[in-house]
Structures are given as structure tokens and as C-alpha cells.
PDB file of N, CA and C in Angstrom:
ATOM      1  N   UNK A   1     -75.499 -47.968 -22.329  1.00  0.00           N
ATOM      2  CA  UNK A   1     -74.351 -47.653 -23.132  1.00  0.00           C
ATOM      3  C   UNK A   1     -73.229 -48.709 -22.966  1.00  0.00           C
ATOM      4  N   UNK A   2     -73.023 -49.345 -21.821  1.00  0.00           N
ATOM      5  CA  UNK A   2     -72.094 -50.203 -21.985  1.00  0.00           C
ATOM      6  C   UNK A   2     -72.521 -51.642 -22.731  1.00  0.00           C
ATOM      7  N   UNK A   3     -73.498 -51.979 -22.702  1.00  0.00           N
ATOM      8  CA  UNK A   3     -74.172 -52.893 -24.054  1.00  0.00           C
ATOM      9  C   UNK A   3     -73.759 -52.579 -25.015  1.00  0.00           C
ATOM     10  N   UNK A   4     -73.898 -51.522 -25.429  1.00  0.00           N
ATOM     11  CA  UNK A   4     -73.662 -50.739 -26.714  1.00  0.00           C
ATOM     12  C   UNK A   4     -72.168 -50.948 -27.077  1.00  0.00           C
ATOM     13  N   UNK A   5     -71.418 -50.491 -26.502  1.00  0.00           N
ATOM     14  CA  UNK A   5     -69.746 -50.867 -26.548  1.00  0.00           C
ATOM     15  C   UNK A   5     -69.878 -52.577 -26.699  1.00  0.00           C
ATOM     16  N   UNK A   6     -70.229 -53.508 -25.976  1.00  0.00           N
ATOM     17  CA  UNK A   6     -70.205 -55.043 -26.382  1.00  0.00           C
ATOM     18  C   UNK A   6     -70.306 -55.012 -27.907  1.00  0.00           C
ATOM     19  N   UNK A   7     -71.449 -54.589 -28.414  1.00  0.00           N
ATOM     20  CA  UNK A   7     -71.682 -54.895 -29.933  1.00  0.00           C
ATOM     21  C   UNK A   7     -70.756 -54.224 -30.589  1.00  0.00           C
ATOM     22  N   UNK A   8     -70.541 -52.772 -30.307  1.00  0.00           N
ATOM     23  CA  UNK A   8     -69.640 -52.143 -31.378  1.00  0.00           C
ATOM     24  C   UNK A   8     -68.344 -52.773 -31.133  1.00  0.00           C
ATOM     25  N   UNK A   9     -67.750 -53.308 -30.152  1.00  0.00           N
ATOM     26  CA  UNK A   9     -66.342 -53.846 -30.304  1.00  0.00           C
ATOM     27  C   UNK A   9     -66.194 -54.883 -30.342  1.00  0.00           C
ATOM     28  N   UNK A  10     -67.517 -55.816 -30.284  1.00  0.00           N
ATOM     29  CA  UNK A  10     -67.433 -57.588 -30.396  1.00  0.00           C
ATOM     30  C   UNK A  10     -66.817 -58.029 -29.080  1.00  0.00           C
ATOM     31  N   UNK A  11     -66.962 -57.226 -28.115  1.00  0.00           N
ATOM     32  CA  UNK A  11     -66.540 -57.625 -26.745  1.00  0.00           C
ATOM     33  C   UNK A  11     -67.112 -57.942 -25.652  1.00  0.00           C
ATOM     34  N   UNK A  12     -66.827 -58.256 -24.505  1.00  0.00           N
ATOM     35  CA  UNK A  12     -67.739 -58.105 -23.323  1.00  0.00           C
ATOM     36  C   UNK A  12     -66.984 -57.028 -22.320  1.00  0.00           C
ATOM     37  N   UNK A  13     -67.629 -56.014 -22.491  1.00  0.00           N
ATOM     38  CA  UNK A  13     -66.851 -54.763 -21.339  1.00  0.00           C
ATOM     39  C   UNK A  13     -67.989 -54.539 -20.340  1.00  0.00           C
ATOM     40  N   UNK A  14     -69.336 -54.876 -20.684  1.00  0.00           N
ATOM     41  CA  UNK A  14     -70.414 -54.544 -20.133  1.00  0.00           C
ATOM     42  C   UNK A  14     -70.152 -55.355 -18.209  1.00  0.00           C
ATOM     43  N   UNK A  15     -69.593 -56.537 -18.423  1.00  0.00           N
ATOM     44  CA  UNK A  15     -69.274 -57.318 -17.074  1.00  0.00           C
ATOM     45  C   UNK A  15     -68.066 -56.639 -16.027  1.00  0.00           C
ATOM     46  N   UNK A  16     -67.237 -56.324 -16.848  1.00  0.00           N
ATOM     47  CA  UNK A  16     -66.003 -55.751 -16.233  1.00  0.00           C
ATOM     48  C   UNK A  16     -66.515 -54.316 -16.415  1.00  0.00           C
ATOM     49  N   UNK A  17     -67.147 -53.458 -16.594  1.00  0.00           N
ATOM     50  CA  UNK A  17     -67.039 -51.857 -16.714  1.00  0.00           C
ATOM     51  C   UNK A  17     -67.379 -51.712 -15.145  1.00  0.00           C
ATOM     52  N   UNK A  18     -67.990 -52.237 -14.359  1.00  0.00           N
ATOM     53  CA  UNK A  18     -68.395 -51.685 -13.212  1.00  0.00           C
ATOM     54  C   UNK A  18     -67.334 -51.966 -12.368  1.00  0.00           C
ATOM     55  N   UNK A  19     -66.984 -53.378 -12.446  1.00  0.00           N
ATOM     56  CA  UNK A  19     -65.495 -53.524 -11.551  1.00  0.00           C
ATOM     57  C   UNK A  19     -64.447 -52.881 -11.935  1.00  0.00           C
ATOM     58  N   UNK A  20     -63.844 -52.358 -12.933  1.00  0.00           N
ATOM     59  CA  UNK A  20     -62.830 -51.506 -13.410  1.00  0.00           C
ATOM     60  C   UNK A  20     -63.158 -50.266 -12.631  1.00  0.00           C
ATOM     61  N   UNK A  21     -64.332 -49.336 -12.568  1.00  0.00           N
ATOM     62  CA  UNK A  21     -64.529 -48.339 -12.379  1.00  0.00           C
ATOM     63  C   UNK A  21     -64.747 -48.285 -10.994  1.00  0.00           C
ATOM     64  N   UNK A  22     -65.040 -49.370 -10.314  1.00  0.00           N
ATOM     65  CA  UNK A  22     -65.046 -49.390  -9.026  1.00  0.00           C
ATOM     66  C   UNK A  22     -63.688 -49.608  -7.996  1.00  0.00           C
ATOM     67  N   UNK A  23     -62.831 -50.240  -8.716  1.00  0.00           N
ATOM     68  CA  UNK A  23     -61.498 -50.551  -8.166  1.00  0.00           C
ATOM     69  C   UNK A  23     -60.270 -49.777  -8.635  1.00  0.00           C
ATOM     70  N   UNK A  24     -60.503 -49.000  -9.603  1.00  0.00           N
ATOM     71  CA  UNK A  24     -59.597 -48.058 -10.116  1.00  0.00           C
ATOM     72  C   UNK A  24     -59.081 -46.883  -8.862  1.00  0.00           C
ATOM     73  N   UNK A  25     -60.072 -46.646  -8.365  1.00  0.00           N
ATOM     74  CA  UNK A  25     -59.686 -45.250  -7.507  1.00  0.00           C
ATOM     75  C   UNK A  25     -59.108 -45.823  -5.922  1.00  0.00           C
ATOM     76  N   UNK A  26     -58.949 -47.047  -5.653  1.00  0.00           N
ATOM     77  CA  UNK A  26     -58.745 -47.541  -4.668  1.00  0.00           C
ATOM     78  C   UNK A  26     -57.100 -48.304  -4.534  1.00  0.00           C
ATOM     79  N   UNK A  27     -56.546 -48.021  -3.286  1.00  0.00           N
ATOM     80  CA  UNK A  27     -55.358 -48.583  -3.661  1.00  0.00           C
ATOM     81  C   UNK A  27     -55.578 -50.150  -3.034  1.00  0.00           C
ATOM     82  N   UNK A  28     -56.535 -50.646  -3.014  1.00  0.00           N
ATOM     83  CA  UNK A  28     -56.800 -52.043  -2.345  1.00  0.00           C
ATOM     84  C   UNK A  28     -56.179 -53.016  -3.119  1.00  0.00           C
ATOM     85  N   UNK A  29     -56.008 -54.049  -2.641  1.00  0.00           N
ATOM     86  CA  UNK A  29     -55.844 -55.482  -3.659  1.00  0.00           C
ATOM     87  C   UNK A  29     -56.943 -55.716  -4.578  1.00  0.00           C
ATOM     88  N   UNK A  30     -56.463 -56.393  -5.383  1.00  0.00           N
ATOM     89  CA  UNK A  30     -57.348 -57.043  -6.048  1.00  0.00           C
ATOM     90  C   UNK A  30     -57.635 -58.364  -6.304  1.00  0.00           C
ATOM     91  N   UNK A  31     -59.005 -58.911  -5.820  1.00  0.00           N
ATOM     92  CA  UNK A  31     -59.070 -60.506  -5.745  1.00  0.00           C
ATOM     93  C   UNK A  31     -58.223 -61.075  -6.559  1.00  0.00           C
ATOM     94  N   UNK A  32     -57.830 -62.145  -6.642  1.00  0.00           N
ATOM     95  CA  UNK A  32     -56.894 -63.366  -7.274  1.00  0.00           C
ATOM     96  C   UNK A  32     -58.024 -63.594  -8.802  1.00  0.00           C
ATOM     97  N   UNK A  33     -59.413 -63.759  -8.060  1.00  0.00           N
ATOM     98  CA  UNK A  33     -60.438 -64.158  -9.202  1.00  0.00           C
ATOM     99  C   UNK A  33     -60.413 -63.432 -10.642  1.00  0.00           C
ATOM    100  N   UNK A  34     -60.093 -62.126 -10.397  1.00  0.00           N
ATOM    101  CA  UNK A  34     -60.197 -61.142 -11.391  1.00  0.00           C
ATOM    102  C   UNK A  34     -58.947 -61.359 -12.342  1.00  0.00           C
ATOM    103  N   UNK A  35     -59.519 -61.507 -13.818  1.00  0.00           N
ATOM    104  CA  UNK A  35     -58.464 -61.948 -14.706  1.00  0.00           C
ATOM    105  C   UNK A  35     -57.517 -60.991 -14.920  1.00  0.00           C
ATOM    106  N   UNK A  36     -56.498 -61.146 -15.747  1.00  0.00           N
ATOM    107  CA  UNK A  36     -55.231 -60.218 -15.980  1.00  0.00           C
ATOM    108  C   UNK A  36     -55.474 -59.054 -16.587  1.00  0.00           C
ATOM    109  N   UNK A  37     -56.304 -59.394 -17.665  1.00  0.00           N
ATOM    110  CA  UNK A  37     -56.824 -58.157 -18.692  1.00  0.00           C
ATOM    111  C   UNK A  37     -57.226 -57.105 -17.866  1.00  0.00           C
ATOM    112  N   UNK A  38     -58.446 -57.444 -16.733  1.00  0.00           N
ATOM    113  CA  UNK A  38     -59.382 -56.376 -16.167  1.00  0.00           C
ATOM    114  C   UNK A  38     -58.132 -56.225 -15.077  1.00  0.00           C
ATOM    115  N   UNK A  39     -57.164 -56.739 -14.636  1.00  0.00           N
ATOM    116  CA  UNK A  39     -56.479 -55.893 -13.577  1.00  0.00           C
ATOM    117  C   UNK A  39     -55.294 -55.147 -14.503  1.00  0.00           C
ATOM    118  N   UNK A  40     -54.992 -55.268 -15.566  1.00  0.00           N
ATOM    119  CA  UNK A  40     -54.098 -54.471 -16.246  1.00  0.00           C
ATOM    120  C   UNK A  40     -54.938 -53.376 -16.579  1.00  0.00           C
ATOM    121  N   UNK A  41     -56.215 -53.221 -17.022  1.00  0.00           N
ATOM    122  CA  UNK A  41     -57.076 -52.203 -17.250  1.00  0.00           C
ATOM    123  C   UNK A  41     -57.307 -51.315 -15.621  1.00  0.00           C
ATOM    124  N   UNK A  42     -57.443 -51.783 -14.887  1.00  0.00           N
ATOM    125  CA  UNK A  42     -57.538 -51.043 -13.709  1.00  0.00           C
ATOM    126  C   UNK A  42     -55.897 -50.603 -12.933  1.00  0.00           C
ATOM    127  N   UNK A  43     -55.200 -51.337 -13.430  1.00  0.00           N
ATOM    128  CA  UNK A  43     -53.593 -50.592 -12.865  1.00  0.00           C
ATOM    129  C   UNK A  43     -53.346 -49.416 -13.687  1.00  0.00           C
ATOM    130  N   UNK A  44     -53.592 -49.617 -15.217  1.00  0.00           N
ATOM    131  CA  UNK A  44     -53.653 -48.314 -16.216  1.00  0.00           C
ATOM    132  C   UNK A  44     -54.585 -47.142 -15.790  1.00  0.00           C
ATOM    133  N   UNK A  45     -55.741 -47.637 -15.371  1.00  0.00           N
ATOM    134  CA  UNK A  45     -56.694 -46.064 -14.657  1.00  0.00           C
ATOM    135  C   UNK A  45     -56.263 -46.079 -13.666  1.00  0.00           C
ATOM    136  N   UNK A  46     -55.454 -46.379 -12.480  1.00  0.00           N
ATOM    137  CA  UNK A  46     -55.076 -46.227 -11.686  1.00  0.00           C
ATOM    138  C   UNK A  46     -54.012 -45.299 -11.849  1.00  0.00           C
ATOM    139  N   UNK A  47     -52.831 -45.689 -12.242  1.00  0.00           N
ATOM    140  CA  UNK A  47     -51.624 -44.283 -12.902  1.00  0.00           C
ATOM    141  C   UNK A  47     -52.542 -43.324 -13.700  1.00  0.00           C
ATOM    142  N   UNK A  48     -53.397 -43.187 -14.385  1.00  0.00           N
ATOM    143  CA  UNK A  48     -54.193 -42.181 -14.955  1.00  0.00           C
ATOM    144  C   UNK A  48     -54.654 -41.434 -14.054  1.00  0.00           C
ATOM    145  N   UNK A  49     -55.398 -42.059 -12.597  1.00  0.00           N
ATOM    146  CA  UNK A  49     -56.030 -41.223 -11.924  1.00  0.00           C
ATOM    147  C   UNK A  49     -54.944 -40.592 -11.027  1.00  0.00           C
ATOM    148  N   UNK A  50     -53.770 -41.125 -10.781  1.00  0.00           N
ATOM    149  CA  UNK A  50     -52.651 -40.490  -9.981  1.00  0.00           C
ATOM    150  C   UNK A  50     -52.105 -39.345 -10.615  1.00  0.00           C
ATOM    151  N   UNK A  51     -52.046 -39.193 -11.983  1.00  0.00           N
ATOM    152  CA  UNK A  51     -51.412 -38.086 -12.801  1.00  0.00           C
ATOM    153  C   UNK A  51     -52.719 -37.122 -12.824  1.00  0.00           C
ATOM    154  N   UNK A  52     -53.648 -37.114 -12.467  1.00  0.00           N
ATOM    155  CA  UNK A  52     -54.662 -36.130 -12.391  1.00  0.00           C
ATOM    156  C   UNK A  52     -55.314 -35.813 -10.799  1.00  0.00           C
ATOM    157  N   UNK A  53     -54.152 -36.338 -10.049  1.00  0.00           N
ATOM    158  CA  UNK A  53     -54.748 -36.751  -8.401  1.00  0.00           C
ATOM    159  C   UNK A  53     -55.376 -35.209  -7.852  1.00  0.00           C
ATOM    160  N   UNK A  54     -54.445 -33.675  -8.530  1.00  0.00           N
ATOM    161  CA  UNK A  54     -55.225 -32.833  -7.711  1.00  0.00           C
ATOM    162  C   UNK A  54     -56.138 -32.075  -8.651  1.00  0.00           C
ATOM    163  N   UNK A  55     -56.569 -32.943  -9.644  1.00  0.00           N
ATOM    164  CA  UNK A  55     -57.464 -32.449 -10.683  1.00  0.00           C
ATOM    165  C   UNK A  55     -57.723 -31.197 -11.402  1.00  0.00           C
ATOM    166  N   UNK A  56     -56.273 -30.739 -11.515  1.00  0.00           N
ATOM    167  CA  UNK A  56     -56.274 -29.240 -11.974  1.00  0.00           C
ATOM    168  C   UNK A  56     -55.268 -29.468 -13.560  1.00  0.00           C
ATOM    169  N   UNK A  57     -55.246 -30.271 -13.878  1.00  0.00           N
ATOM    170  CA  UNK A  57     -54.548 -31.046 -15.409  1.00  0.00           C
ATOM    171  C   UNK A  57     -53.082 -30.350 -15.289  1.00  0.00           C
ATOM    172  N   UNK A  58     -52.642 -30.028 -14.229  1.00  0.00           N
ATOM    173  CA  UNK A  58     -50.822 -29.779 -14.445  1.00  0.00           C
ATOM    174  C   UNK A  58     -50.021 -30.263 -15.053  1.00  0.00           C
ATOM    175  N   UNK A  59     -50.489 -31.664 -15.499  1.00  0.00           N
ATOM    176  CA  UNK A  59     -49.249 -32.391 -16.446  1.00  0.00           C
ATOM    177  C   UNK A  59     -49.669 -32.106 -17.875  1.00  0.00           C
ATOM    178  N   UNK A  60     -49.128 -32.002 -18.701  1.00  0.00           N
ATOM    179  CA  UNK A  60     -49.190 -31.427 -19.942  1.00  0.00           C
ATOM    180  C   UNK A  60     -49.068 -32.461 -20.935  1.00  0.00           C
ATOM    181  N   UNK A  61     -48.112 -33.680 -20.649  1.00  0.00           N
ATOM    182  CA  UNK A  61     -47.518 -34.675 -21.656  1.00  0.00           C
ATOM    183  C   UNK A  61     -47.024 -35.726 -20.885  1.00  0.00           C
ATOM    184  N   UNK A  62     -47.208 -36.737 -21.166  1.00  0.00           N
ATOM    185  CA  UNK A  62     -46.645 -38.072 -20.638  1.00  0.00           C
ATOM    186  C   UNK A  62     -46.133 -38.774 -21.924  1.00  0.00           C
ATOM    187  N   UNK A  63     -44.772 -39.105 -21.382  1.00  0.00           N
ATOM    188  CA  UNK A  63     -43.917 -39.888 -22.502  1.00  0.00           C
ATOM    189  C   UNK A  63     -43.486 -41.320 -21.612  1.00  0.00           C
ATOM    190  N   UNK A  64     -43.604 -42.371 -22.382  1.00  0.00           N
ATOM    191  CA  UNK A  64     -43.146 -43.606 -21.554  1.00  0.00           C
ATOM    192  C   UNK A  64     -42.018 -43.973 -22.357  1.00  0.00           C
ATOM    193  N   UNK A  65     -41.025 -44.580 -21.784  1.00  0.00           N
ATOM    194  CA  UNK A  65     -39.828 -45.617 -22.186  1.00  0.00           C
ATOM    195  C   UNK A  65     -39.664 -46.995 -21.349  1.00  0.00           C
ATOM    196  N   UNK A  66     -39.201 -47.757 -22.072  1.00  0.00           N
ATOM    197  CA  UNK A  66     -39.130 -49.310 -21.383  1.00  0.00           C
ATOM    198  C   UNK A  66     -37.805 -49.514 -21.275  1.00  0.00           C
ATOM    199  N   UNK A  67     -36.865 -49.384 -20.452  1.00  0.00           N
ATOM    200  CA  UNK A  67     -35.228 -49.357 -20.646  1.00  0.00           C
ATOM    201  C   UNK A  67     -34.979 -50.529 -19.314  1.00  0.00           C
ATOM    202  N   UNK A  68     -34.188 -51.537 -19.769  1.00  0.00           N
ATOM    203  CA  UNK A  68     -33.775 -52.429 -18.815  1.00  0.00           C
ATOM    204  C   UNK A  68     -34.933 -53.557 -17.851  1.00  0.00           C
ATOM    205  N   UNK A  69     -35.926 -53.961 -18.631  1.00  0.00           N
ATOM    206  CA  UNK A  69     -37.171 -54.095 -17.661  1.00  0.00           C
ATOM    207  C   UNK A  69     -37.778 -53.370 -16.983  1.00  0.00           C
ATOM    208  N   UNK A  70     -37.965 -51.724 -16.983  1.00  0.00           N
ATOM    209  CA  UNK A  70     -38.385 -50.863 -16.350  1.00  0.00           C
ATOM    210  C   UNK A  70     -39.278 -49.970 -17.128  1.00  0.00           C
ATOM    211  N   UNK A  71     -40.581 -49.541 -16.584  1.00  0.00           N
ATOM    212  CA  UNK A  71     -41.313 -49.057 -17.470  1.00  0.00           C
ATOM    213  C   UNK A  71     -40.923 -47.557 -16.865  1.00  0.00           C
ATOM    214  N   UNK A  72     -40.564 -46.624 -17.404  1.00  0.00           N
ATOM    215  CA  UNK A  72     -40.376 -45.028 -17.044  1.00  0.00           C
ATOM    216  C   UNK A  72     -41.329 -44.594 -17.555  1.00  0.00           C
ATOM    217  N   UNK A  73     -42.399 -43.467 -17.010  1.00  0.00           N
ATOM    218  CA  UNK A  73     -43.069 -42.595 -17.279  1.00  0.00           C
ATOM    219  C   UNK A  73     -43.108 -41.027 -16.814  1.00  0.00           C
ATOM    220  N   UNK A  74     -42.474 -40.483 -17.889  1.00  0.00           N
ATOM    221  CA  UNK A  74     -42.177 -38.977 -17.840  1.00  0.00           C
ATOM    222  C   UNK A  74     -43.594 -38.088 -17.641  1.00  0.00           C
ATOM    223  N   UNK A  75     -43.573 -37.292 -16.857  1.00  0.00           N
ATOM    224  CA  UNK A  75     -44.511 -36.332 -16.538  1.00  0.00           C
ATOM    225  C   UNK A  75     -43.797 -34.738 -16.872  1.00  0.00           C
ATOM    226  N   UNK A  76     -44.652 -34.130 -17.673  1.00  0.00           N
ATOM    227  CA  UNK A  76     -44.236 -32.829 -17.913  1.00  0.00           C
ATOM    228  C   UNK A  76     -45.320 -31.981 -17.236  1.00  0.00           C
ATOM    229  N   UNK A  77     -44.706 -31.149 -16.540  1.00  0.00           N
ATOM    230  CA  UNK A  77     -45.596 -29.971 -15.651  1.00  0.00           C
ATOM    231  C   UNK A  77     -45.944 -28.661 -16.543  1.00  0.00           C
ATOM    232  N   UNK A  78     -47.145 -28.187 -16.230  1.00  0.00           N
ATOM    233  CA  UNK A  78     -46.961 -26.956 -17.308  1.00  0.00           C
ATOM    234  C   UNK A  78     -47.276 -25.856 -16.261  1.00  0.00           C
ATOM    235  N   UNK A  79     -47.647 -25.855 -14.842  1.00  0.00           N
ATOM    236  CA  UNK A  79     -47.926 -24.862 -14.169  1.00  0.00           C
ATOM    237  C   UNK A  79     -47.943 -25.613 -12.641  1.00  0.00           C
ATOM    238  N   UNK A  80     -47.899 -24.794 -11.516  1.00  0.00           N
ATOM    239  CA  UNK A  80     -48.285 -25.219 -10.314  1.00  0.00           C
ATOM    240  C   UNK A  80     -47.318 -26.461  -9.826  1.00  0.00           C
ATOM    241  N   UNK A  81     -46.158 -26.336  -9.782  1.00  0.00           N
ATOM    242  CA  UNK A  81     -45.046 -27.539  -9.707  1.00  0.00           C
ATOM    243  C   UNK A  81     -45.710 -27.975  -8.352  1.00  0.00           C
ATOM    244  N   UNK A  82     -46.309 -27.625  -7.734  1.00  0.00           N
ATOM    245  CA  UNK A  82     -46.195 -28.311  -6.264  1.00  0.00           C
ATOM    246  C   UNK A  82     -47.236 -29.304  -6.404  1.00  0.00           C
ATOM    247  N   UNK A  83     -48.259 -29.008  -7.124  1.00  0.00           N
ATOM    248  CA  UNK A  83     -49.594 -29.718  -7.491  1.00  0.00           C
ATOM    249  C   UNK A  83     -48.890 -30.872  -8.162  1.00  0.00           C
ATOM    250  N   UNK A  84     -48.257 -30.621  -9.144  1.00  0.00           N
ATOM    251  CA  UNK A  84     -47.507 -31.784 -10.229  1.00  0.00           C
ATOM    252  C   UNK A  84     -46.824 -32.586  -9.556  1.00  0.00           C
ATOM    253  N   UNK A  85     -46.098 -32.443  -8.575  1.00  0.00           N
ATOM    254  CA  UNK A  85     -44.966 -32.809  -7.700  1.00  0.00           C
ATOM    255  C   UNK A  85     -46.013 -33.936  -6.749  1.00  0.00           C
ATOM    256  N   UNK A  86     -47.203 -33.295  -6.271  1.00  0.00           N
ATOM    257  CA  UNK A  86     -48.552 -34.347  -5.565  1.00  0.00           C
ATOM    258  C   UNK A  86     -48.751 -35.335  -6.566  1.00  0.00           C
ATOM    259  N   UNK A  87     -49.212 -35.235  -7.587  1.00  0.00           N
ATOM    260  CA  UNK A  87     -49.544 -35.836  -8.595  1.00  0.00           C
ATOM    261  C   UNK A  87     -48.701 -36.914  -8.958  1.00  0.00           C
ATOM    262  N   UNK A  88     -47.671 -36.643  -9.257  1.00  0.00           N
ATOM    263  CA  UNK A  88     -46.403 -37.807  -9.552  1.00  0.00           C
ATOM    264  C   UNK A  88     -46.057 -38.541  -8.205  1.00  0.00           C
ATOM    265  N   UNK A  89     -45.932 -38.160  -7.206  1.00  0.00           N
ATOM    266  CA  UNK A  89     -46.024 -38.959  -5.790  1.00  0.00           C
ATOM    267  C   UNK A  89     -47.095 -39.757  -5.721  1.00  0.00           C
ATOM    268  N   UNK A  90     -48.394 -39.313  -5.944  1.00  0.00           N
ATOM    269  CA  UNK A  90     -49.637 -40.146  -5.888  1.00  0.00           C
ATOM    270  C   UNK A  90     -49.624 -41.164  -7.046  1.00  0.00           C
ATOM    271  N   UNK A  91     -49.090 -41.083  -7.906  1.00  0.00           N
ATOM    272  CA  UNK A  91     -49.061 -41.678  -8.869  1.00  0.00           C
ATOM    273  C   UNK A  91     -48.123 -43.058  -8.480  1.00  0.00           C
ATOM    274  N   UNK A  92     -46.627 -42.611  -7.974  1.00  0.00           N
ATOM    275  CA  UNK A  92     -45.923 -43.995  -7.550  1.00  0.00           C
ATOM    276  C   UNK A  92     -46.875 -44.728  -6.723  1.00  0.00           C
ATOM    277  N   UNK A  93     -47.617 -44.227  -5.685  1.00  0.00           N
ATOM    278  CA  UNK A  93     -48.106 -45.053  -4.676  1.00  0.00           C
ATOM    279  C   UNK A  93     -49.298 -45.865  -5.575  1.00  0.00           C
ATOM    280  N   UNK A  94     -49.758 -45.529  -6.455  1.00  0.00           N
ATOM    281  CA  UNK A  94     -50.964 -46.205  -7.114  1.00  0.00           C
ATOM    282  C   UNK A  94     -50.431 -46.823  -8.322  1.00  0.00           C
ATOM    283  N   UNK A  95     -49.293 -47.325  -8.706  1.00  0.00           N
ATOM    284  CA  UNK A  95     -48.671 -48.060  -9.677  1.00  0.00           C
ATOM    285  C   UNK A  95     -48.246 -49.583  -9.233  1.00  0.00           C
ATOM    286  N   UNK A  96     -48.784 -49.905  -8.111  1.00  0.00           N
ATOM    287  CA  UNK A  96     -48.414 -51.448  -7.473  1.00  0.00           C
ATOM    288  C   UNK A  96     -48.962 -52.762  -8.318  1.00  0.00           C
ATOM    289  N   UNK A  97     -50.538 -52.076  -8.489  1.00  0.00           N
ATOM    290  CA  UNK A  97     -51.022 -53.345  -9.429  1.00  0.00           C
ATOM    291  C   UNK A  97     -50.366 -53.507 -10.643  1.00  0.00           C
ATOM    292  N   UNK A  98     -50.281 -52.635 -11.424  1.00  0.00           N
ATOM    293  CA  UNK A  98     -49.719 -52.973 -12.406  1.00  0.00           C
ATOM    294  C   UNK A  98     -48.278 -53.467 -12.374  1.00  0.00           C
ATOM    295  N   UNK A  99     -47.083 -53.048 -11.767  1.00  0.00           N
ATOM    296  CA  UNK A  99     -46.241 -53.565 -11.522  1.00  0.00           C
ATOM    297  C   UNK A  99     -46.086 -55.112 -11.168  1.00  0.00           C
ATOM    298  N   UNK A 100     -47.151 -55.644 -10.199  1.00  0.00           N
ATOM    299  CA  UNK A 100     -47.565 -56.796  -9.951  1.00  0.00           C
ATOM    300  C   UNK A 100     -47.634 -57.798 -11.117  1.00  0.00           C
ATOM    301  N   UNK A 101     -48.937 -57.186 -11.855  1.00  0.00           N
ATOM    302  CA  UNK A 101     -49.550 -57.905 -12.784  1.00  0.00           C
ATOM    303  C   UNK A 101     -48.601 -58.319 -14.025  1.00  0.00           C
ATOM    304  N   UNK A 102     -47.637 -56.873 -14.441  1.00  0.00           N
ATOM    305  CA  UNK A 102     -47.058 -56.949 -15.516  1.00  0.00           C
ATOM    306  C   UNK A 102     -45.496 -57.542 -15.337  1.00  0.00           C
ATOM    307  N   UNK A 103     -45.126 -57.926 -13.967  1.00  0.00           N
ATOM    308  CA  UNK A 103     -44.010 -58.348 -13.477  1.00  0.00           C
ATOM    309  C   UNK A 103     -42.630 -57.128 -13.786  1.00  0.00           C
ATOM    310  N   UNK A 104     -42.931 -56.106 -13.776  1.00  0.00           N
ATOM    311  CA  UNK A 104     -42.123 -55.072 -13.877  1.00  0.00           C
ATOM    312  C   UNK A 104     -41.827 -54.178 -12.758  1.00  0.00           C
ATOM    313  N   UNK A 105     -40.943 -53.168 -13.082  1.00  0.00           N
ATOM    314  CA  UNK A 105     -40.764 -51.766 -12.057  1.00  0.00           C
ATOM    315  C   UNK A 105     -41.199 -50.900 -12.735  1.00  0.00           C
ATOM    316  N   UNK A 106     -42.015 -49.815 -12.263  1.00  0.00           N
ATOM    317  CA  UNK A 106     -42.415 -48.358 -13.100  1.00  0.00           C
ATOM    318  C   UNK A 106     -41.896 -47.427 -12.168  1.00  0.00           C
ATOM    319  N   UNK A 107     -41.492 -46.870 -12.768  1.00  0.00           N
ATOM    320  CA  UNK A 107     -41.005 -45.433 -12.124  1.00  0.00           C
ATOM    321  C   UNK A 107     -41.650 -44.519 -12.866  1.00  0.00           C
ATOM    322  N   UNK A 108     -42.340 -43.459 -12.085  1.00  0.00           N
ATOM    323  CA  UNK A 108     -43.043 -42.099 -12.818  1.00  0.00           C
ATOM    324  C   UNK A 108     -41.791 -40.686 -12.135  1.00  0.00           C
ATOM    325  N   UNK A 109     -41.646 -40.169 -13.188  1.00  0.00           N
ATOM    326  CA  UNK A 109     -41.158 -38.873 -12.548  1.00  0.00           C
ATOM    327  C   UNK A 109     -41.139 -37.922 -13.266  1.00  0.00           C
ATOM    328  N   UNK A 110     -40.772 -36.595 -12.958  1.00  0.00           N
ATOM    329  CA  UNK A 110     -40.748 -35.087 -13.396  1.00  0.00           C
ATOM    330  C   UNK A 110     -40.112 -35.023 -14.509  1.00  0.00           C
ATOM    331  N   UNK A 111     -40.518 -34.496 -15.791  1.00  0.00           N
ATOM    332  CA  UNK A 111     -39.452 -34.406 -17.141  1.00  0.00           C
ATOM    333  C   UNK A 111     -39.811 -32.889 -17.254  1.00  0.00           C
ATOM    334  N   UNK A 112     -38.498 -32.658 -17.803  1.00  0.00           N
ATOM    335  CA  UNK A 112     -38.412 -31.119 -18.281  1.00  0.00           C
ATOM    336  C   UNK A 112     -38.323 -31.084 -19.817  1.00  0.00           C
ATOM    337  N   UNK A 113     -38.655 -30.068 -20.254  1.00  0.00           N
ATOM    338  CA  UNK A 113     -38.935 -29.739 -21.837  1.00  0.00           C
ATOM    339  C   UNK A 113     -37.278 -29.297 -22.008  1.00  0.00           C
TER     340      UNK A 113
END
């Protein structure tokens, strides 16, 4: 399947897909040998993974803002506030790689309608 993606997109994701999948769930540092684009992909997936940390889809919507060199991720909860807060806390722990690679601060916070 991944090789088919290579031909469809005209890119080389097959070599990176296993690496990205293997490193997205960990908080471990990523080797310096890994390219910036791959690190960004891992960082984004780590944030997405954190937002669904409790595996019950309590976050209904996410909005982003870039203010004063800081990316703010606003998470809107639909139910089970405790699980939502746990997911936001987990995301704030998993954001480090993306912050380092992009050279920005990232804040993940609960938002209200």
C-alpha cells in the first residue's frame, strides 16, 4: 500500500512511513539523522495522538492561531471534561519535538464555544 502511495503522490513515503509510525507514539528524542520534514510529520502526529489520548474522541474541534511566534492549539471538548483535560495535558507533553524542529512555542489549551 505504501508503495502505491509513492506512485500516486510522486514522492517517497514508503521509506519514511515505518519510521514515522514507529516514533509517533513515543516521547523519545528523534535521531539527528532524520530529516526535518520527517521530524515535522512525527511531531504533528504526536500532537494528534495526544489529543486523542483517552481514545474516546472527547475533543470535537481544534482551532489554531499563530500569535507572537507561538502556535496556540485550542481544543473544544464535547463531553467527559476530565478525559478532555487529560488529553490536553498529554498533548502538552508530546509537543516538544515539533517545538524544537520549528523553533516555536506551542500551547495547547481548552477552548469554549
